[in-house]
Amino acid sequence: MGAYDGRSRADLQAQLTALLSAYDQLMAGQQVAQASYSQSDGAKSVTYRATDLGLLDGAISILQQKLGIIRRARRQIRFVYS
């Protein structure tokens, strides 16, 4: 059983919004960002530092997959010489 199993779509969306906001703050140059959201079992708060950017990106990816938002890499650019 995963950490996100059994949660409502609204809870997952609220957490994703909070994590994206924290990610934006860290990318803007802040050293510490806090993500706060509430869900059915109470309010949650997580603090991220600039060094946790990879961890934060992973959490965002998992939530996007659970919500059906799929991030795809761009197709490789190929040059054709004739």
N, C-alpha and C. Protein backbone atom coordinates (compact mmCIF):
# COMPACT_ATOMS: atom_id res chain seq x y z
N MET A 1 0.84 -1.17 0.00
CA MET A 1 0.00 0.00 0.00
C MET A 1 0.89 1.24 0.00
N GLY A 2 0.63 2.14 -0.91
CA GLY A 2 1.43 3.35 -1.03
C GLY A 2 0.96 4.46 -0.11
N ALA A 3 1.79 5.47 -0.02
CA ALA A 3 1.48 6.60 0.86
C ALA A 3 0.28 7.40 0.38
N TYR A 4 -0.02 7.36 -0.90
CA TYR A 4 -1.11 8.16 -1.45
C TYR A 4 -2.37 7.35 -1.71
N ASP A 5 -2.35 6.06 -1.43
CA ASP A 5 -3.52 5.22 -1.65
C ASP A 5 -4.63 5.56 -0.66
N GLY A 6 -5.84 5.61 -1.14
CA GLY A 6 -6.98 5.87 -0.27
C GLY A 6 -7.30 7.34 -0.04
N ARG A 7 -6.50 8.22 -0.57
CA ARG A 7 -6.77 9.65 -0.42
C ARG A 7 -7.68 10.12 -1.53
N SER A 8 -8.46 11.13 -1.23
CA SER A 8 -9.37 11.65 -2.24
C SER A 8 -8.60 12.48 -3.26
N ARG A 9 -9.22 12.66 -4.41
CA ARG A 9 -8.60 13.47 -5.46
C ARG A 9 -8.37 14.91 -5.01
N ALA A 10 -9.30 15.44 -4.22
CA ALA A 10 -9.15 16.81 -3.71
C ALA A 10 -7.94 16.93 -2.78
N ASP A 11 -7.72 15.91 -1.93
CA ASP A 11 -6.55 15.92 -1.05
C ASP A 11 -5.26 15.89 -1.85
N LEU A 12 -5.22 15.02 -2.86
CA LEU A 12 -4.02 14.92 -3.70
C LEU A 12 -3.77 16.22 -4.46
N GLN A 13 -4.84 16.85 -4.95
CA GLN A 13 -4.70 18.10 -5.69
C GLN A 13 -4.21 19.22 -4.78
N ALA A 14 -4.70 19.27 -3.54
CA ALA A 14 -4.26 20.29 -2.59
C ALA A 14 -2.79 20.11 -2.26
N GLN A 15 -2.36 18.87 -2.09
CA GLN A 15 -0.96 18.62 -1.79
C GLN A 15 -0.08 18.97 -2.99
N LEU A 16 -0.52 18.63 -4.19
CA LEU A 16 0.24 18.96 -5.39
C LEU A 16 0.39 20.47 -5.54
N THR A 17 -0.67 21.20 -5.30
CA THR A 17 -0.61 22.66 -5.39
C THR A 17 0.41 23.23 -4.40
N ALA A 18 0.40 22.73 -3.17
CA ALA A 18 1.33 23.20 -2.16
C ALA A 18 2.77 22.86 -2.52
N LEU A 19 3.00 21.65 -3.04
CA LEU A 19 4.36 21.26 -3.42
C LEU A 19 4.86 22.05 -4.63
N LEU A 20 3.99 22.33 -5.57
CA LEU A 20 4.40 23.15 -6.72
C LEU A 20 4.75 24.57 -6.29
N SER A 21 4.03 25.10 -5.33
CA SER A 21 4.33 26.43 -4.81
C SER A 21 5.70 26.45 -4.13
N ALA A 22 5.99 25.41 -3.33
CA ALA A 22 7.29 25.31 -2.68
C ALA A 22 8.41 25.16 -3.71
N TYR A 23 8.16 24.38 -4.75
CA TYR A 23 9.14 24.20 -5.82
C TYR A 23 9.44 25.53 -6.51
N ASP A 24 8.39 26.29 -6.79
CA ASP A 24 8.57 27.60 -7.42
C ASP A 24 9.39 28.54 -6.53
N GLN A 25 9.14 28.50 -5.24
CA GLN A 25 9.89 29.35 -4.31
C GLN A 25 11.37 28.99 -4.30
N LEU A 26 11.67 27.69 -4.29
CA LEU A 26 13.06 27.26 -4.29
C LEU A 26 13.75 27.59 -5.60
N MET A 27 13.03 27.45 -6.70
CA MET A 27 13.61 27.79 -8.01
C MET A 27 13.84 29.29 -8.15
N ALA A 28 13.08 30.09 -7.40
CA ALA A 28 13.23 31.54 -7.45
C ALA A 28 14.40 32.02 -6.59
N GLY A 29 15.05 31.10 -5.88
CA GLY A 29 16.24 31.47 -5.13
C GLY A 29 16.10 31.44 -3.63
N GLN A 30 14.93 31.17 -3.11
CA GLN A 30 14.80 31.06 -1.67
C GLN A 30 15.54 29.82 -1.19
N GLN A 31 16.08 29.87 0.00
CA GLN A 31 16.82 28.74 0.54
C GLN A 31 15.90 27.75 1.27
N VAL A 32 14.76 28.23 1.78
CA VAL A 32 13.82 27.38 2.51
C VAL A 32 12.41 27.70 2.03
N ALA A 33 11.63 26.67 1.78
CA ALA A 33 10.23 26.84 1.38
C ALA A 33 9.38 25.87 2.18
N GLN A 34 8.18 26.29 2.51
CA GLN A 34 7.28 25.45 3.29
C GLN A 34 6.02 25.16 2.50
N ALA A 35 5.60 23.91 2.51
CA ALA A 35 4.36 23.50 1.85
C ALA A 35 3.36 23.10 2.93
N SER A 36 2.23 23.78 2.98
CA SER A 36 1.18 23.46 3.95
C SER A 36 -0.10 23.16 3.19
N TYR A 37 -0.79 22.12 3.61
CA TYR A 37 -2.05 21.74 2.99
C TYR A 37 -2.88 21.01 4.03
N SER A 38 -4.17 20.98 3.83
CA SER A 38 -5.03 20.23 4.74
C SER A 38 -5.71 19.11 3.97
N GLN A 39 -5.91 18.03 4.67
CA GLN A 39 -6.58 16.88 4.07
C GLN A 39 -7.56 16.33 5.09
N SER A 40 -8.18 15.24 4.78
CA SER A 40 -9.27 14.72 5.60
C SER A 40 -8.85 14.41 7.04
N ASP A 41 -7.59 14.06 7.27
CA ASP A 41 -7.17 13.72 8.63
C ASP A 41 -6.40 14.85 9.31
N GLY A 42 -6.47 16.07 8.79
CA GLY A 42 -5.85 17.22 9.45
C GLY A 42 -4.89 17.96 8.55
N ALA A 43 -4.30 19.01 9.09
CA ALA A 43 -3.37 19.85 8.34
C ALA A 43 -1.97 19.25 8.38
N LYS A 44 -1.25 19.40 7.30
CA LYS A 44 0.12 18.91 7.18
C LYS A 44 1.02 20.07 6.77
N SER A 45 2.26 20.03 7.21
CA SER A 45 3.22 21.06 6.84
C SER A 45 4.58 20.40 6.67
N VAL A 46 5.26 20.73 5.56
CA VAL A 46 6.57 20.17 5.26
C VAL A 46 7.48 21.32 4.87
N THR A 47 8.71 21.30 5.37
CA THR A 47 9.69 22.32 5.03
C THR A 47 10.75 21.72 4.13
N TYR A 48 11.02 22.37 3.02
CA TYR A 48 12.04 21.92 2.07
C TYR A 48 13.15 22.95 2.00
N ARG A 49 14.36 22.48 1.81
CA ARG A 49 15.52 23.35 1.61
C ARG A 49 15.95 23.24 0.15
N ALA A 50 16.78 24.15 -0.28
CA ALA A 50 17.22 24.16 -1.67
C ALA A 50 17.90 22.85 -2.06
N THR A 51 18.53 22.19 -1.10
CA THR A 51 19.20 20.92 -1.40
C THR A 51 18.21 19.77 -1.58
N ASP A 52 16.95 19.97 -1.18
CA ASP A 52 15.92 18.93 -1.30
C ASP A 52 15.15 19.03 -2.61
N LEU A 53 15.65 19.75 -3.59
CA LEU A 53 14.92 19.98 -4.83
C LEU A 53 14.62 18.68 -5.57
N GLY A 54 15.55 17.73 -5.57
CA GLY A 54 15.32 16.45 -6.23
C GLY A 54 14.23 15.64 -5.54
N LEU A 55 14.22 15.66 -4.22
CA LEU A 55 13.19 14.98 -3.44
C LEU A 55 11.82 15.58 -3.70
N LEU A 56 11.78 16.90 -3.75
CA LEU A 56 10.53 17.61 -4.02
C LEU A 56 10.03 17.30 -5.43
N ASP A 57 10.93 17.26 -6.39
CA ASP A 57 10.55 16.95 -7.76
C ASP A 57 10.00 15.52 -7.86
N GLY A 58 10.58 14.59 -7.13
CA GLY A 58 10.08 13.22 -7.11
C GLY A 58 8.68 13.12 -6.53
N ALA A 59 8.43 13.86 -5.44
CA ALA A 59 7.10 13.85 -4.82
C ALA A 59 6.06 14.44 -5.77
N ILE A 60 6.45 15.49 -6.50
CA ILE A 60 5.54 16.10 -7.46
C ILE A 60 5.22 15.12 -8.59
N SER A 61 6.23 14.40 -9.06
CA SER A 61 6.02 13.42 -10.13
C SER A 61 5.06 12.31 -9.70
N ILE A 62 5.23 11.82 -8.48
CA ILE A 62 4.35 10.75 -7.99
C ILE A 62 2.91 11.25 -7.91
N LEU A 63 2.71 12.45 -7.38
CA LEU A 63 1.36 13.00 -7.28
C LEU A 63 0.75 13.22 -8.66
N GLN A 64 1.54 13.69 -9.60
CA GLN A 64 1.02 13.90 -10.95
C GLN A 64 0.61 12.58 -11.58
N GLN A 65 1.36 11.52 -11.33
CA GLN A 65 0.99 10.20 -11.86
C GLN A 65 -0.31 9.72 -11.22
N LYS A 66 -0.45 9.90 -9.91
CA LYS A 66 -1.68 9.48 -9.22
C LYS A 66 -2.90 10.25 -9.73
N LEU A 67 -2.70 11.52 -10.11
CA LEU A 67 -3.79 12.35 -10.60
C LEU A 67 -4.02 12.20 -12.10
N GLY A 68 -3.17 11.44 -12.76
CA GLY A 68 -3.32 11.23 -14.20
C GLY A 68 -2.68 12.31 -15.04
N ILE A 69 -1.85 13.14 -14.43
CA ILE A 69 -1.11 14.17 -15.15
C ILE A 69 0.26 13.58 -15.46
N ILE A 70 0.51 13.28 -16.70
CA ILE A 70 1.74 12.58 -17.06
C ILE A 70 2.72 13.58 -17.65
N ARG A 71 3.90 13.62 -17.06
CA ARG A 71 4.95 14.47 -17.60
C ARG A 71 5.75 13.64 -18.59
N ARG A 72 5.88 14.14 -19.77
CA ARG A 72 6.62 13.41 -20.80
C ARG A 72 7.85 14.21 -21.21
N ALA A 73 8.90 13.48 -21.45
CA ALA A 73 10.11 14.12 -21.94
C ALA A 73 9.90 14.52 -23.40
N ARG A 74 10.59 15.55 -23.79
CA ARG A 74 10.49 15.96 -25.19
C ARG A 74 11.13 14.93 -26.09
N ARG A 75 10.61 14.83 -27.28
CA ARG A 75 11.15 13.91 -28.26
C ARG A 75 12.54 14.37 -28.68
N GLN A 76 13.42 13.44 -28.90
CA GLN A 76 14.77 13.77 -29.32
C GLN A 76 14.75 14.44 -30.68
N ILE A 77 15.54 15.48 -30.82
CA ILE A 77 15.65 16.19 -32.09
C ILE A 77 16.72 15.51 -32.94
N ARG A 78 16.34 15.16 -34.13
CA ARG A 78 17.29 14.51 -35.04
C ARG A 78 17.48 15.37 -36.27
N PHE A 79 18.71 15.47 -36.67
CA PHE A 79 19.03 16.25 -37.85
C PHE A 79 19.18 15.30 -39.04
N VAL A 80 18.65 15.72 -40.17
CA VAL A 80 18.75 14.92 -41.38
C VAL A 80 19.63 15.69 -42.36
N TYR A 81 20.73 15.08 -42.72
CA TYR A 81 21.66 15.69 -43.67
C TYR A 81 21.41 15.08 -45.05
N SER A 82 21.26 15.94 -46.04
CA SER A 82 21.05 15.39 -47.37
C SER A 82 22.10 15.89 -48.32
